[in-house]
Protein backbone atom coordinates (compact mmCIF):
# COMPACT_ATOMS: atom_id res chain seq x y z
CA UNK A 1 0.00 -10.65 15.27
CA UNK A 2 2.42 -13.26 14.05
CA UNK A 3 4.87 -13.69 11.18
CA UNK A 4 2.21 -15.33 9.00
CA UNK A 5 -0.25 -12.45 9.44
CA UNK A 6 2.45 -9.90 8.70
CA UNK A 7 3.35 -11.88 5.55
CA UNK A 8 -0.29 -11.93 4.43
CA UNK A 9 -0.58 -8.18 4.88
CA UNK A 10 2.62 -7.57 2.92
CA UNK A 11 1.52 -9.90 0.13
CA UNK A 12 -1.87 -8.22 -0.17
CA UNK A 13 -0.25 -4.80 -0.16
CA UNK A 14 2.10 -5.81 -2.97
CA UNK A 15 -0.86 -7.13 -4.99
CA UNK A 16 -2.80 -3.87 -4.45
CA UNK A 17 0.12 -1.79 -5.72
CA UNK A 18 0.66 -4.02 -8.76
CA UNK A 19 -3.03 -3.91 -9.59
CA UNK A 20 -3.07 -0.11 -9.44
CA UNK A 21 0.05 0.15 -11.60
CA UNK A 22 -1.42 -2.26 -14.15
CA UNK A 23 -4.69 -0.33 -14.23
CA UNK A 24 -2.84 2.94 -14.85
CA UNK A 25 -0.62 1.48 -17.56
CA UNK A 26 -3.23 -0.54 -19.44
CA UNK A 27 -6.53 1.21 -18.97
CA UNK A 28 -6.87 4.58 -17.34
CA UNK A 29 -6.57 6.77 -14.31
CA UNK A 30 -10.23 6.34 -13.58
CA UNK A 31 -12.37 5.71 -10.51
CA UNK A 32 -11.32 2.05 -10.45
CA UNK A 33 -7.66 3.12 -10.43
CA UNK A 34 -8.34 5.50 -7.55
CA UNK A 35 -10.12 2.75 -5.64
CA UNK A 36 -7.15 0.43 -6.15
CA UNK A 37 -4.78 3.08 -4.83
CA UNK A 38 -7.06 3.74 -1.82
CA UNK A 39 -7.02 0.01 -1.17
CA UNK A 40 -3.21 -0.01 -1.31
CA UNK A 41 -3.08 2.92 1.12
CA UNK A 42 -5.45 1.11 3.47
CA UNK A 43 -3.31 -2.01 3.34
CA UNK A 44 -0.24 0.08 4.07
CA UNK A 45 -1.92 1.62 7.11
CA UNK A 46 -2.85 -1.92 8.28
CA UNK A 47 0.78 -2.95 7.86
CA UNK A 48 1.97 0.07 9.89
CA UNK A 49 -0.47 -0.79 12.66
CA UNK A 50 0.61 -4.43 12.68
CA UNK A 51 4.26 -3.45 12.83
CA UNK A 52 3.59 -1.08 15.68
CA UNK A 53 1.67 -3.74 17.61
CA UNK A 54 4.39 -6.35 17.29
CA UNK A 55 7.73 -4.60 16.78
CA UNK A 56 9.63 -7.71 17.90
CA UNK A 57 8.47 -9.51 14.75
CA UNK A 58 9.70 -6.78 12.38
CA UNK A 59 13.11 -6.91 10.80
CA UNK A 60 15.07 -4.34 8.79
CA UNK A 61 13.96 -5.83 5.46
CA UNK A 62 10.31 -5.48 6.43
CA UNK A 63 10.87 -1.90 7.57
CA UNK A 64 12.48 -1.15 4.20
CA UNK A 65 9.56 -2.82 2.43
CA UNK A 66 7.16 -0.60 4.38
CA UNK A 67 9.09 2.53 3.37
CA UNK A 68 9.35 1.43 -0.26
CA UNK A 69 5.66 0.61 -0.58
CA UNK A 70 4.76 3.96 1.00
CA UNK A 71 6.81 5.69 -1.71
CA UNK A 72 5.12 3.56 -4.40
CA UNK A 73 1.68 4.49 -3.13
CA UNK A 74 2.55 8.17 -2.96
CA UNK A 75 3.71 8.02 -6.58
CA UNK A 76 0.43 6.38 -7.59
CA UNK A 77 -1.55 8.98 -5.62
CA UNK A 78 0.30 11.75 -7.41
CA UNK A 79 -0.20 10.05 -10.76
CA UNK A 80 -3.95 9.97 -10.14
CA UNK A 81 -4.13 13.57 -9.01
CA UNK A 82 -5.04 12.55 -5.42
CA UNK A 83 -8.34 14.36 -4.87
CA UNK A 84 -9.31 15.52 -1.37
CA UNK A 85 -11.49 12.44 -0.91
CA UNK A 86 -8.38 10.21 -0.86
CA UNK A 87 -6.60 9.45 2.39
CA UNK A 88 -4.59 12.19 4.06
CA UNK A 89 -1.24 10.38 3.57
């Protein structure tokens, strides 16, 4: 794990959250929306794992980003009704 990989994960996570928000706002809370949210949750889990594996690369801003994106994903999960088939987070 290096700074570039951490940056790629964070960028992909941001894109996943934006895509889910856009889907909810413009189209519907459908299966595609739920899949986008599941993807965002998966990216967040990948970010957590990367941060745990290389804590020396993680700064306070990145920790705050991780917390903020977790809250964003939770809000999207709640918006979509989070069925039991979604992740346990």
